[in-house]
Protein backbone atom coordinates (compact mmCIF):
# COMPACT_ATOMS: atom_id res chain seq x y z
CA MET A 1 -4.47 -13.42 -45.19
CA GLY A 2 -2.37 -15.93 -47.12
CA ASN A 3 -4.44 -19.08 -46.57
CA PRO A 4 -8.15 -18.43 -45.91
CA LYS A 5 -8.83 -22.12 -45.21
CA ALA A 6 -5.90 -22.82 -42.89
CA PHE A 7 -8.03 -22.65 -39.74
CA LEU A 8 -10.19 -25.43 -41.21
CA GLU A 9 -7.37 -27.65 -42.41
CA ILE A 10 -4.66 -27.20 -39.76
CA HIS A 11 -5.13 -27.98 -36.08
CA ARG A 12 -3.55 -26.04 -33.25
CA GLN A 13 -0.12 -27.44 -32.40
CA GLU A 14 1.76 -26.33 -29.31
CA ALA A 15 5.47 -26.87 -28.87
CA GLY A 16 4.83 -28.60 -25.54
CA TYR A 17 7.18 -29.20 -22.64
CA ARG A 18 10.36 -31.19 -22.16
CA PRO A 19 9.73 -34.65 -20.66
CA ILE A 20 9.06 -34.55 -16.92
CA HIS A 21 11.81 -37.05 -16.06
CA ASP A 22 14.27 -34.74 -17.81
CA ARG A 23 13.19 -31.26 -16.82
CA ILE A 24 12.75 -31.71 -13.05
CA HIS A 25 16.50 -32.24 -12.69
CA ASP A 26 17.47 -28.75 -13.87
CA PHE A 27 16.22 -25.18 -14.07
CA GLY A 28 16.39 -24.93 -17.87
CA GLU A 29 13.31 -23.60 -19.66
CA VAL A 30 10.66 -26.31 -19.83
CA GLU A 31 8.97 -25.11 -23.00
CA GLN A 32 10.17 -26.45 -26.34
CA THR A 33 9.98 -24.83 -29.79
CA LEU A 34 8.52 -25.80 -33.14
CA ASN A 35 10.61 -25.85 -36.30
CA THR A 36 10.22 -23.03 -38.80
CA ARG A 37 7.84 -24.89 -41.09
CA GLU A 38 5.47 -25.86 -38.29
CA ARG A 39 5.60 -22.36 -36.81
CA LYS A 40 4.62 -20.80 -40.14
CA LEU A 41 1.74 -23.29 -40.46
CA GLN A 42 0.50 -22.26 -37.02
CA ALA A 43 0.68 -18.60 -38.00
CA SER A 44 -1.37 -19.36 -41.11
CA ARG A 45 -4.32 -20.37 -38.92
CA CYS A 46 -4.96 -16.72 -37.98
CA MET A 47 -8.20 -15.75 -39.73
CA ASP A 48 -7.54 -11.99 -40.02
CA CYS A 49 -10.97 -11.43 -38.44
CA GLY A 50 -13.03 -8.39 -39.30
CA VAL A 51 -13.24 -7.71 -35.57
CA PRO A 52 -9.94 -8.95 -34.08
CA PHE A 53 -10.85 -9.77 -30.49
CA CYS A 54 -7.22 -10.74 -29.88
CA HIS A 55 -6.30 -7.09 -30.38
CA TRP A 56 -9.13 -6.06 -28.05
CA ALA A 57 -8.04 -8.45 -25.29
CA CYS A 58 -4.33 -7.64 -25.36
CA PRO A 59 -3.39 -4.85 -22.90
CA LEU A 60 -0.66 -3.79 -25.32
CA GLY A 61 -2.97 -3.81 -28.34
CA ASN A 62 -0.78 -6.28 -30.24
CA LYS A 63 -1.72 -6.65 -33.91
CA ALA A 64 -1.62 -10.43 -34.00
CA PRO A 65 -3.38 -10.84 -37.39
CA GLU A 66 -0.80 -8.62 -39.08
CA TRP A 67 2.36 -10.21 -37.71
CA ASN A 68 0.93 -13.71 -37.98
CA ASP A 69 0.32 -13.10 -41.69
CA ALA A 70 3.87 -11.80 -42.17
CA LEU A 71 5.22 -14.83 -40.30
CA TYR A 72 3.21 -17.24 -42.44
CA LYS A 73 4.57 -15.61 -45.60
CA GLY A 74 8.13 -15.94 -44.32
CA ASP A 75 8.78 -12.21 -43.83
CA TRP A 76 10.25 -12.48 -40.35
CA GLU A 77 11.61 -8.95 -40.32
CA LEU A 78 8.21 -7.45 -41.14
CA ALA A 79 6.65 -9.68 -38.50
CA PHE A 80 9.13 -8.32 -35.97
CA ARG A 81 8.52 -4.67 -36.96
CA LEU A 82 4.76 -5.14 -36.57
CA LEU A 83 5.13 -6.93 -33.25
CA ASN A 84 7.64 -4.45 -31.85
CA SER A 85 5.42 -1.51 -32.81
CA THR A 86 3.18 -2.31 -29.83
CA ASN A 87 5.25 -4.65 -27.66
CA PRO A 88 8.68 -3.49 -26.43
CA PHE A 89 9.66 -6.85 -24.90
CA PRO A 90 8.11 -9.79 -26.81
CA GLU A 91 10.79 -12.10 -25.41
CA PHE A 92 9.15 -11.73 -21.98
CA THR A 93 5.49 -11.95 -22.93
CA GLY A 94 6.25 -14.69 -25.46
CA ARG A 95 7.38 -16.87 -22.54
CA ILE A 96 5.23 -15.98 -19.53
CA CYS A 97 2.09 -14.19 -20.71
CA PRO A 98 -1.15 -16.13 -20.10
CA ALA A 99 -2.15 -15.05 -23.62
CA LEU A 100 -5.37 -13.13 -23.08
CA CYS A 101 -5.44 -12.78 -26.85
CA GLU A 102 -5.73 -16.53 -27.37
CA LYS A 103 -8.73 -16.86 -25.08
CA ALA A 104 -10.39 -14.05 -27.04
CA CYS A 105 -9.48 -15.58 -30.42
CA VAL A 106 -12.48 -16.36 -32.62
CA LEU A 107 -11.06 -19.84 -33.13
CA ASN A 108 -11.28 -20.37 -29.37
CA ARG A 109 -14.98 -19.71 -29.65
CA PHE A 110 -15.25 -21.81 -32.82
CA ASN A 111 -13.47 -25.00 -31.76
CA HIS A 112 -11.29 -24.16 -28.73
CA GLU A 113 -8.17 -24.22 -30.89
CA PRO A 114 -7.01 -20.58 -30.91
CA THR A 115 -4.04 -19.35 -32.85
CA THR A 116 -0.73 -19.92 -31.02
CA ASN A 117 -0.07 -16.18 -30.66
CA ARG A 118 2.20 -16.41 -27.63
CA GLU A 119 4.51 -19.02 -29.13
CA ASP A 120 4.48 -17.23 -32.49
CA GLU A 121 5.45 -14.02 -30.71
CA CYS A 122 8.40 -15.70 -29.00
CA ALA A 123 9.56 -17.26 -32.27
CA ILE A 124 9.46 -13.86 -34.01
CA ILE A 125 11.51 -12.02 -31.41
CA GLU A 126 14.11 -14.79 -31.15
CA ALA A 127 14.48 -14.74 -34.93
CA ALA A 128 14.88 -10.94 -34.76
CA PHE A 129 17.77 -11.23 -32.30
CA ARG A 130 19.30 -14.12 -34.21
CA GLU A 131 19.12 -12.44 -37.63
CA GLY A 132 20.29 -9.03 -36.43
CA TYR A 133 17.03 -7.17 -37.02
CA ILE A 134 17.44 -5.68 -33.57
CA GLN A 135 20.11 -3.01 -33.31
CA PRO A 136 20.56 -0.22 -30.74
CA ARG A 137 18.46 2.85 -31.55
CA VAL A 138 19.96 5.98 -30.03
CA PRO A 139 17.51 8.90 -30.39
CA VAL A 140 18.23 12.61 -30.64
CA ARG A 141 18.14 13.99 -27.10
CA ASN A 142 15.77 16.76 -26.02
CA ASN A 143 17.88 17.85 -23.00
CA ARG A 144 15.32 16.66 -20.44
CA ARG A 145 15.96 14.02 -17.79
CA ILE A 146 13.64 11.36 -16.37
CA ALA A 147 14.14 9.19 -13.27
CA ILE A 148 12.50 5.76 -13.15
CA ILE A 149 12.18 4.17 -9.69
CA GLY A 150 12.10 0.40 -10.21
CA ALA A 151 13.40 -1.82 -13.02
CA GLY A 152 10.52 -4.27 -13.25
CA PRO A 153 8.32 -4.70 -16.35
CA ALA A 154 6.52 -1.37 -15.88
CA GLY A 155 9.69 0.60 -15.18
CA LEU A 156 11.54 -0.98 -18.09
CA ALA A 157 8.65 -0.29 -20.48
CA ALA A 158 8.41 3.33 -19.34
CA ALA A 159 12.18 3.74 -19.63
CA ASP A 160 12.23 2.30 -23.14
CA ALA A 161 9.37 4.50 -24.36
CA LEU A 162 10.71 7.70 -22.81
CA ASN A 163 14.23 7.01 -24.07
CA GLN A 164 12.97 6.65 -27.62
CA MET A 165 11.13 9.97 -27.23
CA GLY A 166 14.50 11.61 -26.65
CA TYR A 167 14.57 11.90 -22.87
CA THR A 168 17.70 11.03 -20.91
CA VAL A 169 16.55 8.20 -18.65
CA THR A 170 18.09 6.95 -15.41
CA VAL A 171 16.61 3.84 -13.77
CA PHE A 172 17.08 3.37 -10.02
CA GLU A 173 16.72 -0.25 -8.84
CA LYS A 174 16.98 -1.49 -5.23
CA ASN A 175 18.21 -4.96 -6.25
CA GLU A 176 21.55 -5.93 -7.73
CA ALA A 177 20.15 -6.38 -11.24
CA ALA A 178 17.18 -5.29 -13.35
CA GLY A 179 13.99 -7.20 -14.01
CA GLY A 180 11.92 -7.00 -10.84
CA LEU A 181 9.69 -10.06 -10.54
CA LEU A 182 10.87 -11.16 -13.98
CA ARG A 183 14.25 -11.84 -12.41
CA TYR A 184 13.46 -12.52 -8.75
CA GLY A 185 9.94 -13.93 -8.84
CA ILE A 186 9.67 -16.04 -11.99
CA PRO A 187 11.74 -19.25 -11.98
CA ASN A 188 14.42 -19.85 -14.57
CA PHE A 189 12.52 -22.85 -15.90
CA LYS A 190 9.94 -20.37 -17.23
CA LEU A 191 12.24 -17.45 -18.08
CA ASN A 192 15.99 -17.86 -18.43
CA LYS A 193 17.61 -14.77 -16.93
CA ALA A 194 20.01 -14.49 -19.87
CA ILE A 195 16.95 -13.25 -21.80
CA ILE A 196 16.64 -10.32 -19.39
CA ASP A 197 20.37 -9.60 -19.50
CA ARG A 198 20.26 -9.47 -23.30
CA ARG A 199 17.52 -6.83 -23.22
CA ILE A 200 19.20 -4.73 -20.53
CA LYS A 201 22.44 -4.64 -22.53
CA LEU A 202 20.46 -3.37 -25.51
CA MET A 203 18.76 -0.68 -23.41
CA GLU A 204 22.13 0.43 -22.04
CA ALA A 205 23.49 0.62 -25.58
CA GLU A 206 20.53 2.86 -26.41
CA GLY A 207 21.54 5.29 -23.68
CA ILE A 208 19.52 4.25 -20.62
CA GLU A 209 21.49 4.36 -17.36
CA PHE A 210 20.83 1.79 -14.63
CA ARG A 211 21.84 2.42 -11.02
CA TYR A 212 21.53 -0.67 -8.85
CA GLY A 213 21.38 -0.92 -5.06
CA SER A 214 19.28 2.25 -4.98
CA ALA A 215 16.35 1.77 -2.58
CA VAL A 216 13.75 4.53 -2.34
CA SER A 217 12.35 5.26 1.13
CA MET A 218 10.48 8.04 2.93
CA ASP A 219 11.00 9.34 6.47
CA ASN A 220 8.99 12.26 7.88
CA GLY A 221 7.96 13.30 4.41
CA GLN A 222 11.52 13.33 3.13
CA TRP A 223 12.32 10.96 0.27
CA THR A 224 15.77 9.40 0.09
CA ILE A 225 17.56 6.98 -2.17
CA ASP A 226 19.74 4.80 0.01
CA ASN A 227 22.96 3.11 -1.09
CA CYS A 228 22.95 5.09 -4.31
CA SER A 229 25.90 4.50 -6.60
CA THR A 230 26.74 8.21 -6.43
CA SER A 231 26.69 9.99 -3.07
CA ASP A 232 25.40 13.32 -4.39
CA ASN A 233 21.98 11.87 -5.23
CA SER A 234 20.98 10.65 -1.76
CA GLN A 235 18.17 13.12 -1.10
CA PHE A 236 14.96 12.92 -3.09
CA SER A 237 14.71 16.73 -3.06
CA ILE A 238 18.11 16.92 -4.74
CA LEU A 239 17.13 14.08 -7.07
CA ASN A 240 13.94 15.92 -7.93
CA SER A 241 15.88 19.01 -8.85
CA GLN A 242 18.03 17.00 -11.25
CA PHE A 243 15.13 15.40 -13.15
CA ASP A 244 12.21 16.93 -14.99
CA ALA A 245 9.92 14.05 -14.05
CA ILE A 246 9.98 10.93 -11.91
CA VAL A 247 8.18 7.65 -12.60
CA MET A 248 7.44 5.42 -9.61
CA ALA A 249 7.40 1.79 -10.76
CA SER A 250 8.24 0.11 -7.48
CA GLY A 251 5.77 -2.77 -7.79
CA THR A 252 3.95 -4.44 -4.90
CA PRO A 253 6.68 -5.31 -2.39
CA THR A 254 4.41 -6.43 0.49
CA ALA A 255 3.15 -10.02 0.30
CA ARG A 256 -0.18 -10.95 1.89
CA ASP A 257 0.55 -12.71 5.17
CA LEU A 258 -1.33 -15.45 7.05
CA LYS A 259 -1.33 -14.52 10.72
CA VAL A 260 -2.44 -17.70 12.42
CA PRO A 261 -0.89 -19.40 15.46
CA GLY A 262 2.55 -20.81 14.72
CA ARG A 263 3.40 -18.29 12.01
CA GLU A 264 6.80 -17.72 13.67
CA LEU A 265 7.89 -21.35 13.27
CA LYS A 266 11.01 -22.07 11.25
CA GLY A 267 9.88 -23.44 7.92
CA VAL A 268 7.08 -20.96 7.16
CA HIS A 269 8.09 -18.57 4.37
CA PHE A 270 6.65 -16.20 1.83
CA ALA A 271 6.78 -17.69 -1.65
CA LEU A 272 9.13 -14.99 -2.93
CA GLU A 273 11.63 -15.78 -0.20
CA LEU A 274 12.10 -19.18 -1.82
CA LEU A 275 11.81 -18.06 -5.44
CA SER A 276 14.09 -15.04 -5.23
CA GLN A 277 16.72 -16.91 -3.25
CA GLN A 278 16.74 -19.83 -5.70
CA ASN A 279 17.15 -17.45 -8.64
CA ARG A 280 20.03 -15.73 -6.88
CA VAL A 281 21.66 -19.10 -6.18
CA LEU A 282 21.44 -19.92 -9.88
CA ALA A 283 23.05 -16.55 -10.60
CA GLY A 284 26.03 -17.56 -8.46
CA LYS A 285 25.24 -16.08 -5.06
CA ASP A 286 26.05 -18.10 -1.94
CA PHE A 287 23.86 -18.19 1.18
CA PRO A 288 24.83 -19.42 4.65
CA LYS A 289 23.37 -22.82 5.49
CA ASP A 290 21.07 -21.39 8.17
CA GLU A 291 19.63 -18.88 5.65
CA ARG A 292 19.15 -21.29 2.78
CA ILE A 293 15.52 -22.16 2.06
CA THR A 294 15.24 -25.56 0.46
CA ALA A 295 12.57 -28.20 -0.10
CA LYS A 296 15.08 -31.05 -0.29
CA GLY A 297 13.70 -34.14 1.45
CA LYS A 298 10.72 -32.22 2.84
CA ASN A 299 6.95 -32.40 2.61
CA VAL A 300 5.97 -29.05 1.14
CA LEU A 301 2.65 -27.24 1.52
CA VAL A 302 1.91 -24.33 -0.82
CA ILE A 303 -0.90 -22.06 0.38
CA GLY A 304 -2.39 -20.23 -2.60
CA GLY A 305 -3.63 -21.53 -5.92
CA GLY A 306 -2.23 -18.97 -8.37
CA ASP A 307 0.79 -18.80 -10.65
CA THR A 308 3.19 -17.97 -7.81
CA GLY A 309 2.06 -21.10 -6.00
CA SER A 310 2.62 -23.08 -9.19
CA ASP A 311 6.15 -21.67 -9.44
CA CYS A 312 6.81 -22.85 -5.87
CA ILE A 313 5.71 -26.36 -6.85
CA GLY A 314 8.11 -26.54 -9.77
CA THR A 315 10.94 -25.13 -7.67
CA ALA A 316 10.27 -27.61 -4.86
CA HIS A 317 10.49 -30.53 -7.29
CA ARG A 318 13.82 -29.30 -8.63
CA GLN A 319 15.17 -28.91 -5.12
CA GLY A 320 14.32 -32.54 -4.37
CA CYS A 321 11.20 -32.35 -2.24
CA LYS A 322 9.52 -35.45 -0.79
CA SER A 323 5.97 -34.34 -1.67
CA VAL A 324 4.02 -31.20 -2.59
CA THR A 325 0.46 -30.25 -1.65
CA GLN A 326 -1.24 -27.06 -2.80
CA ILE A 327 -4.32 -25.72 -1.01
CA GLU A 328 -6.62 -22.86 -1.95
CA ILE A 329 -9.33 -21.29 0.21
CA MET A 330 -11.59 -20.59 -2.78
CA PRO A 331 -13.68 -23.23 -4.62
CA MET A 332 -12.23 -25.28 -7.46
CA PRO A 333 -12.58 -23.46 -10.80
CA VAL A 334 -14.75 -24.81 -13.58
CA GLU A 335 -13.17 -27.66 -15.54
CA GLY A 336 -13.20 -27.42 -19.31
CA PRO A 337 -12.55 -24.67 -21.83
CA GLU A 338 -15.65 -22.54 -21.13
CA ASP A 339 -16.68 -20.47 -18.14
CA PRO A 340 -20.45 -19.81 -18.07
CA GLN A 341 -19.93 -16.95 -15.62
CA ASN A 342 -17.38 -15.23 -17.81
CA PRO A 343 -18.07 -16.19 -21.44
CA TRP A 344 -15.97 -15.57 -24.54
CA PRO A 345 -14.27 -13.27 -25.46
CA ASN A 346 -13.55 -12.53 -21.79
CA TRP A 347 -10.94 -14.46 -19.87
CA PRO A 348 -12.42 -17.76 -18.64
CA ARG A 349 -11.90 -18.52 -14.96
CA THR A 350 -11.34 -22.22 -15.53
CA LEU A 351 -9.05 -24.80 -13.95
CA LYS A 352 -5.45 -24.24 -14.97
CA THR A 353 -2.92 -27.06 -14.97
CA THR A 354 0.64 -25.81 -15.38
CA SER A 355 3.84 -27.65 -16.25
CA SER A 356 4.65 -27.63 -12.52
CA HIS A 357 1.35 -29.30 -11.66
CA GLU A 358 2.08 -31.99 -14.23
CA GLU A 359 5.30 -32.79 -12.39
CA GLY A 360 3.34 -33.98 -9.37
CA CYS A 361 1.15 -32.20 -6.85
CA THR A 362 -1.87 -32.88 -4.63
CA ARG A 363 -4.30 -30.01 -5.23
CA ARG A 364 -7.16 -29.18 -2.87
CA TRP A 365 -9.75 -26.39 -2.79
CA ASN A 366 -12.06 -24.96 -0.10
CA ILE A 367 -9.35 -25.42 2.53
CA ASN A 368 -8.84 -22.88 5.32
CA THR A 369 -5.60 -22.77 7.32
CA LEU A 370 -6.11 -22.75 11.10
CA GLU A 371 -2.68 -23.21 12.66
CA PHE A 372 0.97 -24.03 11.99
CA LEU A 373 2.20 -26.85 14.20
CA GLY A 374 5.76 -27.52 15.27
CA GLU A 375 8.26 -29.00 17.68
CA ASN A 376 11.32 -27.22 19.09
CA GLY A 377 10.53 -24.18 16.96
CA LYS A 378 10.44 -26.11 13.69
CA LEU A 379 7.39 -26.69 11.51
CA THR A 380 5.99 -30.23 11.47
CA GLY A 381 2.48 -29.79 10.08
CA VAL A 382 -0.47 -27.52 9.37
CA LYS A 383 -3.96 -27.78 10.85
CA VAL A 384 -6.54 -27.08 8.16
CA GLN A 385 -10.32 -27.10 7.86
CA GLU A 386 -12.45 -27.99 4.87
CA ILE A 387 -15.07 -25.31 4.25
CA ASP A 388 -18.00 -24.36 2.06
CA TRP A 389 -19.06 -21.00 0.73
CA LYS A 390 -22.71 -20.04 1.23
CA PRO A 391 -24.50 -17.12 -0.44
CA ASN A 392 -24.70 -14.03 1.74
CA PRO A 393 -28.38 -13.09 2.24
CA GLU A 394 -27.32 -9.45 2.46
CA GLY A 395 -25.32 -9.71 -0.74
CA GLY A 396 -21.60 -9.19 -1.14
CA ARG A 397 -18.90 -11.68 -0.18
CA PRO A 398 -20.17 -15.25 0.39
CA ILE A 399 -20.08 -16.63 3.93
CA MET A 400 -17.48 -19.23 4.86
CA VAL A 401 -18.83 -22.18 6.84
CA GLU A 402 -16.92 -25.12 8.28
CA LYS A 403 -17.38 -28.60 6.84
CA GLY A 404 -16.30 -31.73 8.65
CA GLU A 405 -13.50 -31.94 11.20
CA PRO A 406 -10.09 -30.21 11.12
CA GLU A 407 -7.19 -32.28 9.86
CA ILE A 408 -3.41 -32.04 9.87
CA ILE A 409 -1.29 -31.93 6.73
CA LYS A 410 2.28 -33.04 7.37
CA ALA A 411 4.76 -30.39 6.23
CA GLU A 412 8.27 -29.26 7.03
CA LEU A 413 8.10 -26.32 4.60
CA VAL A 414 5.15 -23.99 4.02
CA LEU A 415 5.17 -21.39 1.26
CA LEU A 416 2.67 -18.53 1.41
CA ALA A 417 1.60 -17.62 -2.11
CA MET A 418 -1.50 -15.55 -1.45
CA GLY A 419 -0.79 -12.48 -3.51
CA PHE A 420 0.39 -8.98 -2.65
CA LEU A 421 -1.07 -5.91 -0.98
CA LYS A 422 -1.74 -2.88 -3.16
CA PRO A 423 0.64 -0.09 -2.13
CA GLU A 424 -0.63 3.16 -0.67
CA HIS A 425 0.99 6.35 -1.91
CA PRO A 426 1.13 9.86 -0.50
CA GLU A 427 0.25 12.83 -2.62
CA TYR A 428 3.12 13.44 -5.00
CA PRO A 429 4.14 16.59 -6.88
CA ALA A 430 2.69 17.02 -10.36
CA ASN A 431 5.86 15.75 -12.03
CA VAL A 432 5.79 12.38 -10.20
CA PHE A 433 3.89 9.57 -11.93
CA VAL A 434 3.01 6.09 -10.63
CA CYS A 435 2.63 3.08 -12.92
CA GLY A 436 2.40 -0.70 -13.07
CA ASP A 437 1.64 -2.77 -9.99
CA ALA A 438 2.61 0.19 -7.80
CA ALA A 439 -0.43 2.01 -9.17
CA ASN A 440 -2.88 -0.80 -9.84
CA GLY A 441 -1.94 -3.64 -7.51
CA ALA A 442 -0.46 -7.00 -8.47
CA SER A 443 -1.41 -8.09 -11.98
CA LEU A 444 0.07 -9.51 -15.17
CA VAL A 445 3.45 -8.61 -16.64
CA VAL A 446 1.76 -7.57 -19.87
CA ARG A 447 -0.52 -5.16 -17.97
CA ALA A 448 2.46 -3.69 -16.13
CA MET A 449 4.21 -3.11 -19.45
CA ALA A 450 1.09 -1.45 -20.90
CA SER A 451 0.87 0.79 -17.84
CA GLY A 452 4.53 1.77 -18.22
CA ILE A 453 4.01 2.75 -21.85
CA GLU A 454 0.86 4.74 -21.04
CA THR A 455 2.63 6.52 -18.20
CA ALA A 456 5.46 7.45 -20.56
CA ARG A 457 2.88 9.12 -22.79
CA LYS A 458 1.49 11.03 -19.81
CA VAL A 459 4.97 12.18 -18.84
CA ASN A 460 5.61 13.38 -22.37
CA GLU A 461 2.29 15.24 -22.47
CA TYR A 462 3.02 16.88 -19.12
CA LEU A 463 6.49 18.02 -20.15
CA SER A 464 5.28 19.16 -23.56
CA LYS A 465 2.87 21.71 -22.12
């Protein structure tokens, strides 16, 4: 701990966002960076607590006090080695993680100015790439082969860990490129896709093989990999015979739907239909005019109050929408830094205002959707009802009761951002392992990565017996 009084003398300083009038006209990353001096000062605020709750809160077990101290002292390479010892992809979490560690920071309890762990983490990994601390590591092979189904955060983390253990790893991905929701769900203004490409190139240099356009499906108990890049691997039984273990990291592909009258109207879409298409457009793919989903000149209604809904808001602004409204069926979260129902060091369920919200959005809570309205097959509005939640006398889920009269929200584009359904899996052979969102349901990228690493350990233990 280089400066034991830094947390008393130096206030928390975030890099902040690019000006709204500038950033809404492009899909460049909105978050700015601090200069080296200011970043080191922020790292000095870490108190090196006797009980590091940041370490406890992080699903990866990141050792924030250690790499913050190295960063403060100017030893960027040591900071990277310490960070990379627990986190395989700090360039992802350093941009999009909600920073569970910061909410658990003792300084958050002390004065609500926690250490800037997430931004520090991003600065460390970018310095590591820039200074050449990161070089391909090709391990000695143990003559065993592993198949990873899915190249999202969990699959990539499992692939990286197993590759470094000496296994020959092949990753099968249904899409045209790796990343999963990192690439097709998170907008470029939060995560530039060149960051993903940089990591994939490194993993390929380390010996991991990626096969794209390889969709896993099951029919009458028979697993197949369709559109595989090599024809001799089409049957799962054949695939199984070629690999010593298989890791299923296929995520949560089924979005939660809203089956109310008018759902079939043109203009009602799942959030990921918009987000994935926009990311593909930015990558150079063309879509026919009748397939293109755009908010340009439209009143947009986002149904769902989470991060995916927020991403839809930011995307709608950049596409040139007329207005954006976001509704949520649950009550408005507590305002302020503390949550009495979920106190420190746990994650506070408080009101979150993102960069997208700052760009302009009407936000409403306790709103239930009744019907999609339209003319000539096209969406024109949504009938909604304000509600209240009353305690259930029998316990369990509160009871929804109507409040006031239904109203109509004008909208030509509705985006359903209500989460994803947890996949159901059949019973697999002993050498098939499930990880990430495919195993646990939709959650954070950092939790998916932690699950991938843990699953890699289980695979290694299984094959070592």
